Amino acid sequence: MDENAANLASAVVTFNFGQLPEYIDEAKYRLLPHDLDQTVEPGAATRRAYRLTVPRTWLVLDTVVASALTESEARQDASQWRVSVRIDGEALAHPDRYWVYYRNNGAQICRIYFPGDLGALNMGVHSLVLRPLSPGRHLLHVVADRSLGDGRAGRIVTDYALRVLPRPPSSREIAVAPDDRLGDALNVNRTPLTFRSPTK
């Protein structure tokens, strides 16, 4: 697989639309859940929590996803967000560095890693790739604030309680990962997004 940042960010989006399994690239990467409903209310905080048990492998986390017909519009949408991330209580330095911009059907993206009916969209994704964590329990704490204009803002708080196993991916987890060499022939869910909902 082409391991550029846009490709990995796109894989998480596609996973959360139900079109990829949670493991890719022979389970080198575990894609983390992200609720694609990013609706916020002024002055309010929406809270989400996930509890996951994972092997010692790389983790890919999208914290905010913006999309638009043009790159400039996607960047404008992304600019409304401010993201902070804490990993076991330690703040991620310079979080604004982790925005990735790409077109779904652009040269950076493997054919199996984007929903076909979104191929024309430009994306702005705040995306992190975490090295394998030490065995044991870890907490990822994500706060995403969206400016709504006129001094108003809404917030999404997401916690990932992780239990990292003291082993690499198993043969079963490796078997879950798709063979990206198959491209469009890959047997993944190709139901148009219009007719189904994002996974939670």
N, C-alpha and C. Protein backbone atom coordinates (compact mmCIF):
# COMPACT_ATOMS: atom_id res chain seq x y z
N MET A 1 0.83 -1.19 0.00
CA MET A 1 0.00 0.00 0.00
C MET A 1 0.87 1.24 0.00
N ASP A 2 0.41 2.29 -0.69
CA ASP A 2 1.10 3.58 -0.65
C ASP A 2 0.78 4.24 0.69
N GLU A 3 1.81 4.38 1.54
CA GLU A 3 1.58 4.81 2.91
C GLU A 3 1.67 6.32 3.09
N ASN A 4 1.24 7.10 2.09
CA ASN A 4 1.24 8.54 2.29
C ASN A 4 0.10 8.94 3.21
N ALA A 5 0.21 10.14 3.79
CA ALA A 5 -0.74 10.56 4.82
C ALA A 5 -2.16 10.65 4.30
N ALA A 6 -2.32 11.11 3.04
CA ALA A 6 -3.67 11.22 2.47
C ALA A 6 -4.31 9.85 2.31
N ASN A 7 -3.53 8.88 1.90
CA ASN A 7 -4.07 7.53 1.70
C ASN A 7 -4.57 6.95 3.02
N LEU A 8 -3.79 7.14 4.08
CA LEU A 8 -4.19 6.61 5.39
C LEU A 8 -5.41 7.35 5.94
N ALA A 9 -5.42 8.68 5.79
CA ALA A 9 -6.59 9.45 6.24
C ALA A 9 -7.84 9.00 5.50
N SER A 10 -7.70 8.79 4.19
CA SER A 10 -8.82 8.35 3.37
C SER A 10 -9.31 6.97 3.78
N ALA A 11 -8.36 6.08 4.17
CA ALA A 11 -8.74 4.74 4.58
C ALA A 11 -9.65 4.78 5.82
N VAL A 12 -9.35 5.69 6.77
CA VAL A 12 -10.20 5.80 7.97
C VAL A 12 -11.60 6.26 7.59
N VAL A 13 -11.69 7.24 6.69
CA VAL A 13 -13.01 7.70 6.26
C VAL A 13 -13.78 6.55 5.62
N THR A 14 -13.13 5.82 4.73
CA THR A 14 -13.78 4.72 4.04
C THR A 14 -14.20 3.62 5.01
N PHE A 15 -13.36 3.34 6.01
CA PHE A 15 -13.71 2.38 7.06
C PHE A 15 -14.96 2.80 7.79
N ASN A 16 -15.08 4.09 8.10
CA ASN A 16 -16.23 4.56 8.87
C ASN A 16 -17.49 4.71 8.03
N PHE A 17 -17.36 4.55 6.70
CA PHE A 17 -18.53 4.39 5.84
C PHE A 17 -18.85 2.92 5.62
N GLY A 18 -18.13 2.04 6.28
CA GLY A 18 -18.40 0.62 6.17
C GLY A 18 -17.86 -0.04 4.92
N GLN A 19 -16.88 0.58 4.25
CA GLN A 19 -16.36 0.05 3.00
C GLN A 19 -14.97 -0.58 3.14
N LEU A 20 -14.40 -0.56 4.32
CA LEU A 20 -13.14 -1.23 4.59
C LEU A 20 -13.23 -1.88 5.97
N PRO A 21 -12.50 -2.98 6.19
CA PRO A 21 -12.39 -3.53 7.54
C PRO A 21 -11.47 -2.67 8.39
N GLU A 22 -11.38 -2.99 9.66
CA GLU A 22 -10.59 -2.16 10.58
C GLU A 22 -9.09 -2.32 10.40
N TYR A 23 -8.64 -3.39 9.74
CA TYR A 23 -7.21 -3.60 9.50
C TYR A 23 -6.90 -3.48 8.01
N ILE A 24 -5.78 -2.84 7.69
CA ILE A 24 -5.33 -2.76 6.31
C ILE A 24 -3.83 -3.06 6.26
N ASP A 25 -3.34 -3.31 5.05
CA ASP A 25 -1.92 -3.54 4.81
C ASP A 25 -1.36 -4.65 5.70
N GLU A 26 -2.01 -5.84 5.60
CA GLU A 26 -1.61 -7.01 6.39
C GLU A 26 -1.60 -6.70 7.89
N ALA A 27 -2.56 -5.88 8.31
CA ALA A 27 -2.75 -5.48 9.71
C ALA A 27 -1.61 -4.65 10.26
N LYS A 28 -0.81 -4.05 9.38
CA LYS A 28 0.19 -3.09 9.88
C LYS A 28 -0.51 -1.89 10.50
N TYR A 29 -1.72 -1.57 9.99
CA TYR A 29 -2.47 -0.43 10.48
C TYR A 29 -3.84 -0.88 10.98
N ARG A 30 -4.22 -0.35 12.14
CA ARG A 30 -5.56 -0.52 12.69
C ARG A 30 -6.27 0.83 12.58
N LEU A 31 -7.37 0.87 11.82
CA LEU A 31 -8.13 2.10 11.64
C LEU A 31 -9.07 2.29 12.82
N LEU A 32 -9.07 3.49 13.39
CA LEU A 32 -9.90 3.75 14.56
C LEU A 32 -11.23 4.37 14.16
N PRO A 33 -12.28 4.11 14.94
CA PRO A 33 -13.60 4.66 14.60
C PRO A 33 -13.64 6.18 14.73
N HIS A 34 -14.44 6.78 13.87
CA HIS A 34 -14.68 8.23 13.92
C HIS A 34 -16.12 8.46 13.49
N ASP A 35 -16.90 9.13 14.32
CA ASP A 35 -18.30 9.42 13.99
C ASP A 35 -18.33 10.55 12.96
N LEU A 36 -18.80 10.23 11.76
CA LEU A 36 -18.81 11.21 10.68
C LEU A 36 -19.93 12.23 10.82
N ASP A 37 -20.81 12.06 11.80
CA ASP A 37 -21.77 13.10 12.13
C ASP A 37 -21.08 14.10 13.05
N GLN A 38 -20.64 15.20 12.50
CA GLN A 38 -19.87 16.20 13.26
C GLN A 38 -20.70 17.44 13.58
N THR A 39 -22.01 17.25 13.68
CA THR A 39 -22.89 18.35 14.02
C THR A 39 -22.60 18.85 15.44
N VAL A 40 -22.48 20.16 15.58
CA VAL A 40 -22.27 20.74 16.90
C VAL A 40 -23.35 21.78 17.17
N GLU A 41 -23.59 22.03 18.47
CA GLU A 41 -24.55 23.04 18.89
C GLU A 41 -23.81 24.15 19.61
N PRO A 42 -24.19 25.41 19.40
CA PRO A 42 -23.51 26.53 20.05
C PRO A 42 -23.48 26.38 21.56
N GLY A 43 -22.30 26.50 22.14
CA GLY A 43 -22.15 26.46 23.59
C GLY A 43 -22.28 25.08 24.20
N ALA A 44 -22.43 24.04 23.37
CA ALA A 44 -22.64 22.69 23.90
C ALA A 44 -21.49 21.78 23.50
N ALA A 45 -21.35 20.69 24.25
CA ALA A 45 -20.31 19.69 23.96
C ALA A 45 -20.98 18.34 23.73
N THR A 46 -20.67 17.72 22.61
CA THR A 46 -21.11 16.35 22.32
C THR A 46 -19.99 15.41 22.73
N ARG A 47 -20.31 14.38 23.49
CA ARG A 47 -19.29 13.45 24.00
C ARG A 47 -19.49 12.06 23.41
N ARG A 48 -18.37 11.47 23.02
CA ARG A 48 -18.37 10.13 22.46
C ARG A 48 -17.24 9.33 23.10
N ALA A 49 -17.44 8.04 23.23
CA ALA A 49 -16.42 7.20 23.86
C ALA A 49 -16.36 5.85 23.16
N TYR A 50 -15.14 5.36 22.99
CA TYR A 50 -14.90 4.05 22.39
C TYR A 50 -13.97 3.26 23.31
N ARG A 51 -14.26 1.97 23.43
CA ARG A 51 -13.38 1.06 24.15
C ARG A 51 -12.92 -0.02 23.18
N LEU A 52 -11.61 -0.11 22.98
CA LEU A 52 -11.08 -1.00 21.96
C LEU A 52 -9.93 -1.83 22.52
N THR A 53 -9.87 -3.08 22.11
CA THR A 53 -8.72 -3.94 22.38
C THR A 53 -8.01 -4.17 21.07
N VAL A 54 -6.71 -3.85 21.02
CA VAL A 54 -5.97 -3.90 19.77
C VAL A 54 -4.62 -4.59 19.99
N PRO A 55 -4.06 -5.19 18.94
CA PRO A 55 -2.70 -5.71 19.04
C PRO A 55 -1.69 -4.57 18.97
N ARG A 56 -0.43 -4.87 19.14
CA ARG A 56 0.61 -3.84 18.99
C ARG A 56 0.84 -3.60 17.51
N THR A 57 0.18 -2.60 16.99
CA THR A 57 0.31 -2.23 15.59
C THR A 57 0.09 -0.74 15.47
N TRP A 58 0.33 -0.18 14.31
CA TRP A 58 0.14 1.26 14.10
C TRP A 58 -1.34 1.58 14.11
N LEU A 59 -1.70 2.73 14.69
CA LEU A 59 -3.09 3.16 14.77
C LEU A 59 -3.28 4.42 13.93
N VAL A 60 -4.37 4.47 13.19
CA VAL A 60 -4.67 5.65 12.36
C VAL A 60 -5.97 6.27 12.87
N LEU A 61 -5.88 7.53 13.24
CA LEU A 61 -7.01 8.24 13.86
C LEU A 61 -7.32 9.51 13.07
N ASP A 62 -8.55 9.62 12.57
CA ASP A 62 -9.05 10.88 12.01
C ASP A 62 -9.88 11.56 13.09
N THR A 63 -9.57 12.82 13.38
CA THR A 63 -10.30 13.53 14.43
C THR A 63 -11.39 14.45 13.87
N VAL A 64 -11.17 15.01 12.66
CA VAL A 64 -12.14 15.87 11.99
C VAL A 64 -12.06 15.58 10.50
N VAL A 65 -13.22 15.55 9.84
CA VAL A 65 -13.27 15.35 8.39
C VAL A 65 -14.09 16.47 7.77
N ALA A 66 -13.49 17.20 6.82
CA ALA A 66 -14.19 18.24 6.09
C ALA A 66 -14.18 17.86 4.61
N SER A 67 -15.23 18.23 3.88
CA SER A 67 -15.29 17.91 2.46
C SER A 67 -16.02 19.02 1.72
N ALA A 68 -15.66 19.20 0.44
CA ALA A 68 -16.27 20.23 -0.39
C ALA A 68 -15.95 19.94 -1.85
N LEU A 69 -16.60 20.67 -2.73
CA LEU A 69 -16.37 20.44 -4.16
C LEU A 69 -15.01 20.96 -4.62
N THR A 70 -14.48 21.98 -3.94
CA THR A 70 -13.18 22.53 -4.32
C THR A 70 -12.22 22.46 -3.14
N GLU A 71 -10.93 22.51 -3.44
CA GLU A 71 -9.93 22.47 -2.37
C GLU A 71 -10.04 23.70 -1.48
N SER A 72 -10.27 24.86 -2.07
CA SER A 72 -10.36 26.08 -1.27
C SER A 72 -11.53 26.01 -0.30
N GLU A 73 -12.65 25.43 -0.74
CA GLU A 73 -13.81 25.30 0.16
C GLU A 73 -13.52 24.29 1.27
N ALA A 74 -12.81 23.21 0.93
CA ALA A 74 -12.46 22.22 1.97
C ALA A 74 -11.53 22.85 3.00
N ARG A 75 -10.58 23.66 2.55
CA ARG A 75 -9.67 24.33 3.48
C ARG A 75 -10.43 25.34 4.34
N GLN A 76 -11.40 26.03 3.74
CA GLN A 76 -12.19 26.99 4.51
C GLN A 76 -12.99 26.27 5.59
N ASP A 77 -13.59 25.13 5.24
CA ASP A 77 -14.34 24.34 6.22
C ASP A 77 -13.42 23.86 7.33
N ALA A 78 -12.25 23.36 6.95
CA ALA A 78 -11.30 22.86 7.96
C ALA A 78 -10.83 23.97 8.89
N SER A 79 -10.73 25.20 8.37
CA SER A 79 -10.22 26.32 9.18
C SER A 79 -11.17 26.68 10.31
N GLN A 80 -12.41 26.19 10.27
CA GLN A 80 -13.37 26.48 11.33
C GLN A 80 -13.12 25.62 12.57
N TRP A 81 -12.24 24.62 12.44
CA TRP A 81 -12.00 23.67 13.53
C TRP A 81 -10.67 23.93 14.23
N ARG A 82 -10.67 23.72 15.53
CA ARG A 82 -9.44 23.70 16.32
C ARG A 82 -9.43 22.38 17.09
N VAL A 83 -8.35 21.64 16.93
CA VAL A 83 -8.28 20.29 17.49
C VAL A 83 -7.14 20.21 18.50
N SER A 84 -7.42 19.57 19.64
CA SER A 84 -6.36 19.25 20.59
C SER A 84 -6.45 17.76 20.91
N VAL A 85 -5.29 17.14 21.09
CA VAL A 85 -5.23 15.70 21.33
C VAL A 85 -4.30 15.45 22.51
N ARG A 86 -4.72 14.61 23.42
CA ARG A 86 -3.86 14.15 24.51
C ARG A 86 -3.74 12.64 24.45
N ILE A 87 -2.51 12.16 24.58
CA ILE A 87 -2.22 10.74 24.58
C ILE A 87 -1.69 10.39 25.96
N ASP A 88 -2.48 9.67 26.73
CA ASP A 88 -2.13 9.36 28.13
C ASP A 88 -1.81 10.64 28.91
N GLY A 89 -2.60 11.67 28.65
CA GLY A 89 -2.46 12.93 29.38
C GLY A 89 -1.46 13.91 28.81
N GLU A 90 -0.65 13.47 27.86
CA GLU A 90 0.37 14.35 27.27
C GLU A 90 -0.18 14.99 26.00
N ALA A 91 -0.12 16.32 25.93
CA ALA A 91 -0.68 17.04 24.80
C ALA A 91 0.15 16.84 23.55
N LEU A 92 -0.52 16.64 22.43
CA LEU A 92 0.14 16.57 21.13
C LEU A 92 0.61 17.96 20.74
N ALA A 93 1.90 18.10 20.45
CA ALA A 93 2.45 19.41 20.09
C ALA A 93 2.05 19.78 18.66
N HIS A 94 1.77 21.05 18.47
CA HIS A 94 1.48 21.61 17.14
C HIS A 94 0.41 20.81 16.40
N PRO A 95 -0.77 20.68 16.95
CA PRO A 95 -1.80 19.84 16.31
C PRO A 95 -2.20 20.32 14.92
N ASP A 96 -2.03 21.60 14.61
CA ASP A 96 -2.41 22.11 13.29
C ASP A 96 -1.56 21.51 12.18
N ARG A 97 -0.45 20.88 12.52
CA ARG A 97 0.42 20.29 11.51
C ARG A 97 -0.18 19.02 10.91
N TYR A 98 -1.24 18.51 11.50
CA TYR A 98 -1.73 17.19 11.11
C TYR A 98 -2.94 17.24 10.18
N TRP A 99 -3.18 18.40 9.56
CA TRP A 99 -4.22 18.48 8.54
C TRP A 99 -3.67 17.94 7.22
N VAL A 100 -4.48 17.15 6.53
CA VAL A 100 -4.13 16.56 5.24
C VAL A 100 -5.22 16.96 4.24
N TYR A 101 -4.80 17.43 3.05
CA TYR A 101 -5.75 17.85 2.02
C TYR A 101 -5.52 17.01 0.76
N TYR A 102 -6.61 16.51 0.20
CA TYR A 102 -6.48 15.67 -0.98
C TYR A 102 -7.83 15.59 -1.70
N ARG A 103 -7.80 15.12 -2.93
CA ARG A 103 -9.02 14.83 -3.68
C ARG A 103 -9.24 13.32 -3.64
N ASN A 104 -10.48 12.90 -3.44
CA ASN A 104 -10.75 11.48 -3.25
C ASN A 104 -10.25 10.61 -4.38
N ASN A 105 -10.33 11.10 -5.61
CA ASN A 105 -9.86 10.29 -6.73
C ASN A 105 -8.52 10.82 -7.26
N GLY A 106 -7.77 11.48 -6.39
CA GLY A 106 -6.48 12.02 -6.79
C GLY A 106 -5.40 10.95 -6.84
N ALA A 107 -4.23 11.36 -7.31
CA ALA A 107 -3.14 10.42 -7.53
C ALA A 107 -2.61 9.80 -6.24
N GLN A 108 -2.85 10.47 -5.09
CA GLN A 108 -2.34 9.97 -3.81
C GLN A 108 -3.13 8.77 -3.28
N ILE A 109 -4.33 8.56 -3.79
CA ILE A 109 -5.26 7.64 -3.14
C ILE A 109 -5.37 6.32 -3.89
N CYS A 110 -5.19 5.21 -3.18
CA CYS A 110 -5.43 3.88 -3.76
C CYS A 110 -6.90 3.75 -4.13
N ARG A 111 -7.19 3.05 -5.21
CA ARG A 111 -8.55 2.96 -5.69
C ARG A 111 -9.51 2.33 -4.69
N ILE A 112 -9.03 1.47 -3.81
CA ILE A 112 -9.97 0.82 -2.89
C ILE A 112 -10.22 1.67 -1.65
N TYR A 113 -9.55 2.81 -1.51
CA TYR A 113 -9.62 3.53 -0.26
C TYR A 113 -10.49 4.78 -0.30
N PHE A 114 -11.38 4.89 -1.28
CA PHE A 114 -12.34 5.97 -1.20
C PHE A 114 -13.68 5.47 -1.74
N PRO A 115 -14.80 5.99 -1.22
CA PRO A 115 -16.11 5.61 -1.75
C PRO A 115 -16.27 6.17 -3.15
N GLY A 116 -16.64 5.32 -4.11
CA GLY A 116 -16.67 5.73 -5.51
C GLY A 116 -17.57 6.91 -5.78
N ASP A 117 -18.71 7.02 -5.08
CA ASP A 117 -19.63 8.11 -5.37
C ASP A 117 -19.21 9.41 -4.69
N LEU A 118 -18.08 9.42 -3.99
CA LEU A 118 -17.52 10.67 -3.45
C LEU A 118 -16.24 11.05 -4.16
N GLY A 119 -15.99 10.43 -5.31
CA GLY A 119 -14.71 10.59 -5.98
C GLY A 119 -14.35 12.01 -6.37
N ALA A 120 -15.34 12.87 -6.57
CA ALA A 120 -15.05 14.23 -7.00
C ALA A 120 -14.78 15.19 -5.85
N LEU A 121 -15.00 14.75 -4.61
CA LEU A 121 -14.89 15.66 -3.48
C LEU A 121 -13.44 15.91 -3.08
N ASN A 122 -13.19 17.14 -2.63
CA ASN A 122 -11.92 17.49 -2.00
C ASN A 122 -12.09 17.38 -0.50
N MET A 123 -11.06 16.87 0.16
CA MET A 123 -11.14 16.56 1.58
C MET A 123 -10.10 17.33 2.37
N GLY A 124 -10.47 17.68 3.59
CA GLY A 124 -9.53 18.19 4.58
C GLY A 124 -9.71 17.35 5.83
N VAL A 125 -8.71 16.59 6.20
CA VAL A 125 -8.84 15.64 7.30
C VAL A 125 -7.73 15.88 8.32
N HIS A 126 -8.11 15.99 9.58
CA HIS A 126 -7.11 16.06 10.65
C HIS A 126 -6.83 14.62 11.06
N SER A 127 -5.64 14.14 10.74
CA SER A 127 -5.36 12.72 10.83
C SER A 127 -4.01 12.45 11.49
N LEU A 128 -3.99 11.46 12.38
CA LEU A 128 -2.78 11.07 13.09
C LEU A 128 -2.47 9.61 12.83
N VAL A 129 -1.18 9.29 12.77
CA VAL A 129 -0.72 7.90 12.72
C VAL A 129 0.15 7.67 13.95
N LEU A 130 -0.28 6.76 14.81
CA LEU A 130 0.41 6.51 16.08
C LEU A 130 1.25 5.25 15.97
N ARG A 131 2.51 5.36 16.40
CA ARG A 131 3.35 4.17 16.46
C ARG A 131 2.77 3.17 17.44
N PRO A 132 3.14 1.88 17.32
CA PRO A 132 2.60 0.89 18.26
C PRO A 132 2.85 1.30 19.71
N LEU A 133 1.77 1.32 20.49
CA LEU A 133 1.85 1.69 21.90
C LEU A 133 2.33 0.50 22.73
N SER A 134 2.84 0.79 23.89
CA SER A 134 3.28 -0.28 24.79
C SER A 134 2.08 -1.09 25.26
N PRO A 135 2.26 -2.38 25.57
CA PRO A 135 1.14 -3.18 26.06
C PRO A 135 0.53 -2.55 27.32
N GLY A 136 -0.76 -2.67 27.44
CA GLY A 136 -1.45 -2.11 28.61
C GLY A 136 -2.55 -1.16 28.18
N ARG A 137 -2.99 -0.34 29.12
CA ARG A 137 -4.12 0.56 28.87
C ARG A 137 -3.63 1.97 28.54
N HIS A 138 -4.29 2.59 27.57
CA HIS A 138 -3.95 3.93 27.12
C HIS A 138 -5.24 4.71 26.86
N LEU A 139 -5.13 6.03 26.93
CA LEU A 139 -6.29 6.88 26.68
C LEU A 139 -5.93 7.95 25.66
N LEU A 140 -6.71 8.01 24.58
CA LEU A 140 -6.61 9.10 23.62
C LEU A 140 -7.80 10.03 23.87
N HIS A 141 -7.51 11.30 24.10
CA HIS A 141 -8.54 12.29 24.41
C HIS A 141 -8.49 13.37 23.34
N VAL A 142 -9.59 13.51 22.60
CA VAL A 142 -9.65 14.44 21.47
C VAL A 142 -10.73 15.48 21.73
N VAL A 143 -10.36 16.75 21.59
CA VAL A 143 -11.32 17.85 21.70
C VAL A 143 -11.29 18.62 20.38
N ALA A 144 -12.44 18.70 19.72
CA ALA A 144 -12.56 19.42 18.45
C ALA A 144 -13.58 20.53 18.62
N ASP A 145 -13.12 21.77 18.50
CA ASP A 145 -13.99 22.94 18.63
C ASP A 145 -14.25 23.53 17.25
N ARG A 146 -15.52 23.76 16.94
CA ARG A 146 -15.87 24.35 15.65
C ARG A 146 -16.44 25.75 15.85
N SER A 147 -15.84 26.72 15.16
CA SER A 147 -16.33 28.09 15.19
C SER A 147 -17.59 28.19 14.33
N LEU A 148 -18.64 28.77 14.91
CA LEU A 148 -19.92 28.91 14.21
C LEU A 148 -20.21 30.35 13.84
N GLY A 149 -19.22 31.23 14.05
CA GLY A 149 -19.40 32.64 13.73
C GLY A 149 -20.03 33.42 14.85
N ASP A 150 -19.86 34.73 14.81
CA ASP A 150 -20.42 35.63 15.84
C ASP A 150 -19.99 35.23 17.24
N GLY A 151 -18.76 34.69 17.36
CA GLY A 151 -18.25 34.31 18.67
C GLY A 151 -18.80 33.02 19.23
N ARG A 152 -19.63 32.33 18.46
CA ARG A 152 -20.23 31.08 18.92
C ARG A 152 -19.34 29.90 18.51
N ALA A 153 -19.39 28.84 19.31
CA ALA A 153 -18.62 27.63 18.99
C ALA A 153 -19.31 26.42 19.59
N GLY A 154 -19.08 25.28 18.98
CA GLY A 154 -19.56 24.01 19.50
C GLY A 154 -18.39 23.05 19.63
N ARG A 155 -18.53 22.04 20.44
CA ARG A 155 -17.41 21.16 20.77
C ARG A 155 -17.81 19.69 20.65
N ILE A 156 -16.87 18.88 20.18
CA ILE A 156 -17.00 17.41 20.20
C ILE A 156 -15.83 16.86 20.99
N VAL A 157 -16.13 16.07 22.01
CA VAL A 157 -15.10 15.46 22.85
C VAL A 157 -15.18 13.94 22.64
N THR A 158 -14.07 13.34 22.26
CA THR A 158 -14.05 11.91 22.00
C THR A 158 -12.92 11.25 22.78
N ASP A 159 -13.26 10.19 23.49
CA ASP A 159 -12.26 9.43 24.25
C ASP A 159 -12.14 8.02 23.68
N TYR A 160 -10.90 7.59 23.52
CA TYR A 160 -10.61 6.23 23.07
C TYR A 160 -9.87 5.53 24.21
N ALA A 161 -10.55 4.61 24.88
CA ALA A 161 -9.91 3.81 25.91
C ALA A 161 -9.36 2.55 25.24
N LEU A 162 -8.06 2.46 25.17
CA LEU A 162 -7.41 1.38 24.43
C LEU A 162 -6.77 0.37 25.38
N ARG A 163 -6.94 -0.88 25.07
CA ARG A 163 -6.19 -1.95 25.72
C ARG A 163 -5.30 -2.58 24.66
N VAL A 164 -4.00 -2.36 24.79
CA VAL A 164 -3.05 -2.86 23.81
C VAL A 164 -2.51 -4.21 24.28
N LEU A 165 -2.69 -5.21 23.46
CA LEU A 165 -2.25 -6.56 23.81
C LEU A 165 -0.73 -6.70 23.63
N PRO A 166 -0.12 -7.60 24.39
CA PRO A 166 1.35 -7.77 24.30
C PRO A 166 1.74 -8.71 23.15
N ARG A 167 1.22 -8.42 21.97
CA ARG A 167 1.54 -9.26 20.82
C ARG A 167 1.29 -8.47 19.54
N PRO A 168 1.90 -8.88 18.43
CA PRO A 168 1.60 -8.28 17.14
C PRO A 168 0.26 -8.79 16.62
N PRO A 169 -0.19 -8.31 15.47
CA PRO A 169 -1.45 -8.81 14.91
C PRO A 169 -1.41 -10.33 14.70
N SER A 170 -2.53 -10.96 14.98
CA SER A 170 -2.65 -12.41 14.81
C SER A 170 -2.92 -12.75 13.35
N SER A 171 -2.87 -14.02 13.04
CA SER A 171 -3.17 -14.46 11.67
C SER A 171 -4.61 -14.11 11.29
N ARG A 172 -5.52 -14.17 12.26
CA ARG A 172 -6.91 -13.80 11.98
C ARG A 172 -7.02 -12.32 11.63
N GLU A 173 -6.33 -11.47 12.38
CA GLU A 173 -6.38 -10.03 12.11
C GLU A 173 -5.71 -9.70 10.79
N ILE A 174 -4.63 -10.39 10.47
CA ILE A 174 -3.97 -10.18 9.19
C ILE A 174 -4.90 -10.58 8.04
N ALA A 175 -5.64 -11.66 8.24
CA ALA A 175 -6.55 -12.13 7.20
C ALA A 175 -7.71 -11.16 6.95
N VAL A 176 -8.03 -10.35 7.95
CA VAL A 176 -9.11 -9.36 7.80
C VAL A 176 -8.73 -8.28 6.79
N ALA A 177 -7.44 -7.93 6.74
CA ALA A 177 -6.99 -6.83 5.89
C ALA A 177 -7.21 -7.17 4.42
N PRO A 178 -7.70 -6.20 3.63
CA PRO A 178 -7.93 -6.46 2.21
C PRO A 178 -6.62 -6.51 1.43
N ASP A 179 -6.68 -7.16 0.30
CA ASP A 179 -5.54 -7.20 -0.62
C ASP A 179 -5.66 -6.01 -1.56
N ASP A 180 -4.91 -4.95 -1.30
CA ASP A 180 -5.06 -3.73 -2.10
C ASP A 180 -4.61 -3.92 -3.54
N ARG A 181 -3.94 -5.01 -3.85
CA ARG A 181 -3.54 -5.27 -5.24
C ARG A 181 -4.74 -5.58 -6.12
N LEU A 182 -5.88 -5.92 -5.50
CA LEU A 182 -7.06 -6.26 -6.27
C LEU A 182 -7.79 -5.03 -6.79
N GLY A 183 -7.50 -3.85 -6.21
CA GLY A 183 -8.10 -2.62 -6.69
C GLY A 183 -9.62 -2.68 -6.69
N ASP A 184 -10.24 -2.29 -7.81
CA ASP A 184 -11.70 -2.23 -7.89
C ASP A 184 -12.34 -3.61 -7.86
N ALA A 185 -11.57 -4.66 -8.06
CA ALA A 185 -12.13 -6.01 -7.98
C ALA A 185 -12.30 -6.47 -6.53
N LEU A 186 -11.82 -5.65 -5.59
CA LEU A 186 -11.87 -6.03 -4.18
C LEU A 186 -13.31 -6.24 -3.73
N ASN A 187 -13.51 -7.27 -2.95
CA ASN A 187 -14.86 -7.59 -2.48
C ASN A 187 -15.16 -6.80 -1.21
N VAL A 188 -15.43 -5.51 -1.36
CA VAL A 188 -15.84 -4.68 -0.24
C VAL A 188 -17.22 -4.10 -0.55
N ASN A 189 -17.82 -3.48 0.43
CA ASN A 189 -19.17 -2.95 0.29
C ASN A 189 -19.18 -1.78 -0.68
N ARG A 190 -19.80 -1.93 -1.84
CA ARG A 190 -19.86 -0.87 -2.83
C ARG A 190 -21.25 -0.25 -2.93
N THR A 191 -22.10 -0.51 -1.95
CA THR A 191 -23.41 0.13 -1.96
C THR A 191 -23.22 1.65 -1.92
N PRO A 192 -23.83 2.40 -2.86
CA PRO A 192 -23.66 3.85 -2.84
C PRO A 192 -24.01 4.44 -1.47
N LEU A 193 -23.23 5.44 -1.05
CA LEU A 193 -23.43 6.00 0.28
C LEU A 193 -24.80 6.61 0.46
N THR A 194 -25.43 7.02 -0.65
CA THR A 194 -26.78 7.59 -0.58
C THR A 194 -27.76 6.64 0.08
N PHE A 195 -27.50 5.33 -0.07
CA PHE A 195 -28.46 4.33 0.40
C PHE A 195 -28.06 3.67 1.70
N ARG A 196 -27.07 4.21 2.39
CA ARG A 196 -26.71 3.64 3.69
C ARG A 196 -26.12 4.72 4.57
N SER A 197 -25.94 4.39 5.83
CA SER A 197 -25.48 5.37 6.81
C SER A 197 -24.06 5.04 7.25
N PRO A 198 -23.29 6.05 7.71
CA PRO A 198 -21.97 5.78 8.27
C PRO A 198 -22.07 4.83 9.45
N THR A 199 -21.03 4.02 9.65
CA THR A 199 -20.97 3.16 10.83
C THR A 199 -20.68 4.01 12.04
N LYS A 200 -21.07 3.53 13.20
CA LYS A 200 -20.80 4.24 14.45
C LYS A 200 -19.65 3.56 15.16
